[in-house]
Amino acid sequence: MPAPLQIGTLLVATPTLESLAFDRAVVLITHYSETDITMGLVLNQP
């Protein structure tokens, strides 16, 4: 079971992800809500 998503979590895109916007991206979760939006900052993309 994956760890719960929370502020400060790092998400790492897998090589099989089919979105060019997140290709090899590392995302830091900066805002999380189960009922509202979740936001993050991509750390390794220009």
Protein backbone atom coordinates (compact mmCIF):
# COMPACT_ATOMS: atom_id res chain seq x y z
CA MET A 1 0.00 0.00 0.00
CA PRO A 2 1.44 3.42 -0.91
CA ALA A 3 2.20 5.99 1.76
CA PRO A 4 -0.55 8.58 2.33
CA LEU A 5 -0.27 11.77 0.33
CA GLN A 6 0.50 14.81 2.48
CA ILE A 7 2.33 18.15 2.36
CA GLY A 8 6.05 17.51 1.92
CA THR A 9 5.60 14.26 0.00
CA LEU A 10 7.84 13.81 -3.04
CA LEU A 11 6.25 12.19 -6.08
CA VAL A 12 8.58 10.67 -8.68
CA ALA A 13 7.22 10.06 -12.19
CA THR A 14 7.84 6.58 -13.53
CA PRO A 15 9.46 6.12 -16.94
CA THR A 16 6.20 4.64 -18.23
CA LEU A 17 4.17 7.80 -17.52
CA GLU A 18 2.74 8.93 -20.86
CA SER A 19 2.66 12.68 -20.11
CA LEU A 20 5.51 14.73 -21.54
CA ALA A 21 4.78 17.49 -19.01
CA PHE A 22 5.81 15.14 -16.18
CA ASP A 23 8.56 13.15 -17.93
CA ARG A 24 11.01 12.12 -15.16
CA ALA A 25 9.55 14.83 -12.91
CA VAL A 26 9.97 15.04 -9.15
CA VAL A 27 7.04 16.90 -7.56
CA LEU A 28 6.96 18.28 -4.01
CA ILE A 29 3.39 18.43 -2.65
CA THR A 30 2.84 21.95 -1.28
CA HIS A 31 -0.93 21.87 -0.66
CA TYR A 32 -3.12 18.82 -0.10
CA SER A 33 -6.83 18.41 0.48
CA GLU A 34 -9.04 15.36 0.03
CA THR A 35 -11.99 17.62 -0.82
CA ASP A 36 -10.28 20.47 -2.69
CA ILE A 37 -7.26 20.73 -4.96
CA THR A 38 -3.77 19.34 -4.49
CA MET A 39 -0.83 21.45 -5.66
CA GLY A 40 2.85 20.78 -6.00
CA LEU A 41 6.08 22.21 -7.28
CA VAL A 42 8.05 20.39 -10.00
CA LEU A 43 11.61 20.42 -8.69
CA ASN A 44 13.65 19.23 -11.66
CA GLN A 45 12.13 20.87 -14.75
CA PRO A 46 12.93 24.33 -16.17
